């Protein structure tokens, strides 16, 4: 019996506070004041909370708004299953974004490496001197001037393609 009366008293206290209108204003000293009673005198006060006058569980509707019930549905707390689905979706989206970023970084590294190799091949040809290639038998073949010029032109095209 004692517990029931204490619980009932606490519930009434909480209900009274929940229905109280709150006001906010700036006093003559420039300090912001909060109270459940409007300020005395000719001070402009801002209402912070409208007392709850609707039935429990009914959606709060804005005056003159036809879309108010939809807004109330969106603001209702989600069920545990909905929260779990939203969490899983965020995890999947984050994993996809991370994978895409990793792929972009790998592609950028590959492109930089290809550019570096193409520039090195062009620099090797530009040094001059004797150029050697291996033929299909695995023997070394020295390139003549015409072949070096073709190789240099091809190397320039490779650099242009790899480094842009």
Foldseek 3Di string as FASTA:
>chain_A
DVVVVVVVVVVVVVLVVQQQKKKWFADPVRDIDIDSDDDPDDTDIDTDDHGDPDDPPDFDADPPDPCRVVVSVVPDDDDPVVVVVVVVVVVVVVVVVVVVVVVVVVVVVVLVVQLVVLVVQLVVLVVDDWDWDADPVRDIDTDDPVVSVVSNVVSVVSNVVSPD
